[in-house]
Amino acid sequence: HLSRTPRTLFATHDESNRNMLNADGENVDLYIPRKCSWTNRLITASDKASVQLNVGHLDANGVYNGSYTTMALSGYVRMKVRR
């Protein structure tokens, strides 16, 4: 709600309104920044050329075993690839 003082108009907020809850009722962050797997730089929200890949793990027979490794590549790295 808004409170008015003679000199200033300011908004007050409840800290609990800023948290996001998942289906289990646990607090989760609203935004989690990603890091490039190659350069370890943060990938900004404005980097529209960045990609995130999930590479599946295989067992000895070449069958997907349900686990994977996530890799994120920034647009900078993708543009530096030789063609």
Protein backbone atom coordinates (compact mmCIF):
# COMPACT_ATOMS: atom_id res chain seq x y z
CA HIS A 1 0.00 0.00 0.00
CA LEU A 2 1.12 3.59 -0.47
CA SER A 3 1.84 5.93 2.43
CA ARG A 4 1.93 9.67 1.96
CA THR A 5 4.18 11.98 3.96
CA PRO A 6 4.40 15.76 3.46
CA ARG A 7 7.56 15.48 1.31
CA THR A 8 7.70 11.96 -0.10
CA LEU A 9 5.52 9.33 -1.67
CA PHE A 10 6.88 5.84 -0.99
CA ALA A 11 5.66 2.28 -1.26
CA THR A 12 5.88 -0.23 1.53
CA HIS A 13 5.96 -3.92 0.82
CA ASP A 14 5.88 -7.16 2.69
CA GLU A 15 9.06 -9.20 2.21
CA SER A 16 7.01 -12.39 1.79
CA ASN A 17 5.36 -11.01 -1.36
CA ARG A 18 8.72 -10.99 -3.18
CA ASN A 19 9.27 -14.74 -2.87
CA MET A 20 8.14 -17.32 -5.37
CA LEU A 21 7.02 -20.76 -4.20
CA ASN A 22 7.15 -24.00 -6.17
CA ALA A 23 4.54 -26.78 -6.03
CA ASP A 24 6.08 -28.16 -2.80
CA GLY A 25 5.87 -24.77 -1.05
CA GLU A 26 9.65 -24.19 -1.11
CA ASN A 27 11.09 -20.76 -1.87
CA VAL A 28 12.70 -20.50 -5.30
CA ASP A 29 14.53 -17.62 -6.95
CA LEU A 30 12.72 -15.60 -9.60
CA TYR A 31 15.77 -15.44 -11.86
CA ILE A 32 18.85 -17.64 -11.85
CA PRO A 33 21.60 -16.33 -14.14
CA ARG A 34 23.45 -18.86 -16.28
CA LYS A 35 27.20 -19.05 -16.88
CA CYS A 36 28.80 -19.97 -20.17
CA SER A 37 30.36 -23.45 -19.89
CA TRP A 38 33.27 -22.40 -22.13
CA THR A 39 34.22 -18.93 -20.81
CA ASN A 40 32.57 -18.93 -17.33
CA ARG A 41 31.07 -15.50 -18.12
CA LEU A 42 27.54 -14.72 -17.02
CA ILE A 43 24.98 -15.02 -19.81
CA THR A 44 22.82 -11.92 -19.68
CA ALA A 45 19.10 -11.89 -20.34
CA SER A 46 19.72 -9.80 -23.46
CA ASP A 47 21.99 -12.47 -25.04
CA LYS A 48 19.48 -13.84 -27.55
CA ALA A 49 22.07 -16.03 -29.32
CA SER A 50 22.91 -18.15 -26.25
CA VAL A 51 21.84 -21.79 -26.09
CA GLN A 52 21.50 -24.39 -23.38
CA LEU A 53 22.10 -28.06 -24.22
CA ASN A 54 21.31 -31.19 -22.25
CA VAL A 55 23.73 -33.96 -23.29
CA GLY A 56 22.47 -37.41 -22.32
CA HIS A 57 24.69 -40.02 -20.67
CA LEU A 58 24.85 -43.52 -22.18
CA ASP A 59 25.63 -46.85 -20.59
CA ALA A 60 28.13 -49.37 -22.00
CA ASN A 61 25.53 -50.58 -24.52
CA GLY A 62 24.84 -47.09 -25.85
CA VAL A 63 21.44 -46.80 -24.17
CA TYR A 64 20.38 -43.55 -22.49
CA ASN A 65 20.42 -44.08 -18.72
CA GLY A 66 18.25 -41.12 -17.68
CA SER A 67 20.99 -38.73 -16.60
CA TYR A 68 22.40 -35.77 -18.49
CA THR A 69 24.87 -32.90 -18.30
CA THR A 70 23.66 -29.36 -18.94
CA MET A 71 25.90 -26.99 -20.91
CA ALA A 72 25.21 -23.34 -21.69
CA LEU A 73 27.02 -21.48 -24.47
CA SER A 74 26.94 -17.71 -24.82
CA GLY A 75 26.26 -15.96 -28.09
CA TYR A 76 29.87 -14.70 -28.04
CA VAL A 77 31.23 -18.27 -28.16
CA ARG A 78 28.77 -19.31 -30.86
CA MET A 79 29.81 -16.38 -33.08
CA LYS A 80 33.54 -17.28 -32.74
CA VAL A 81 33.10 -20.78 -34.22
CA ARG A 82 34.92 -21.37 -37.51
CA ARG A 83 32.73 -22.51 -40.36
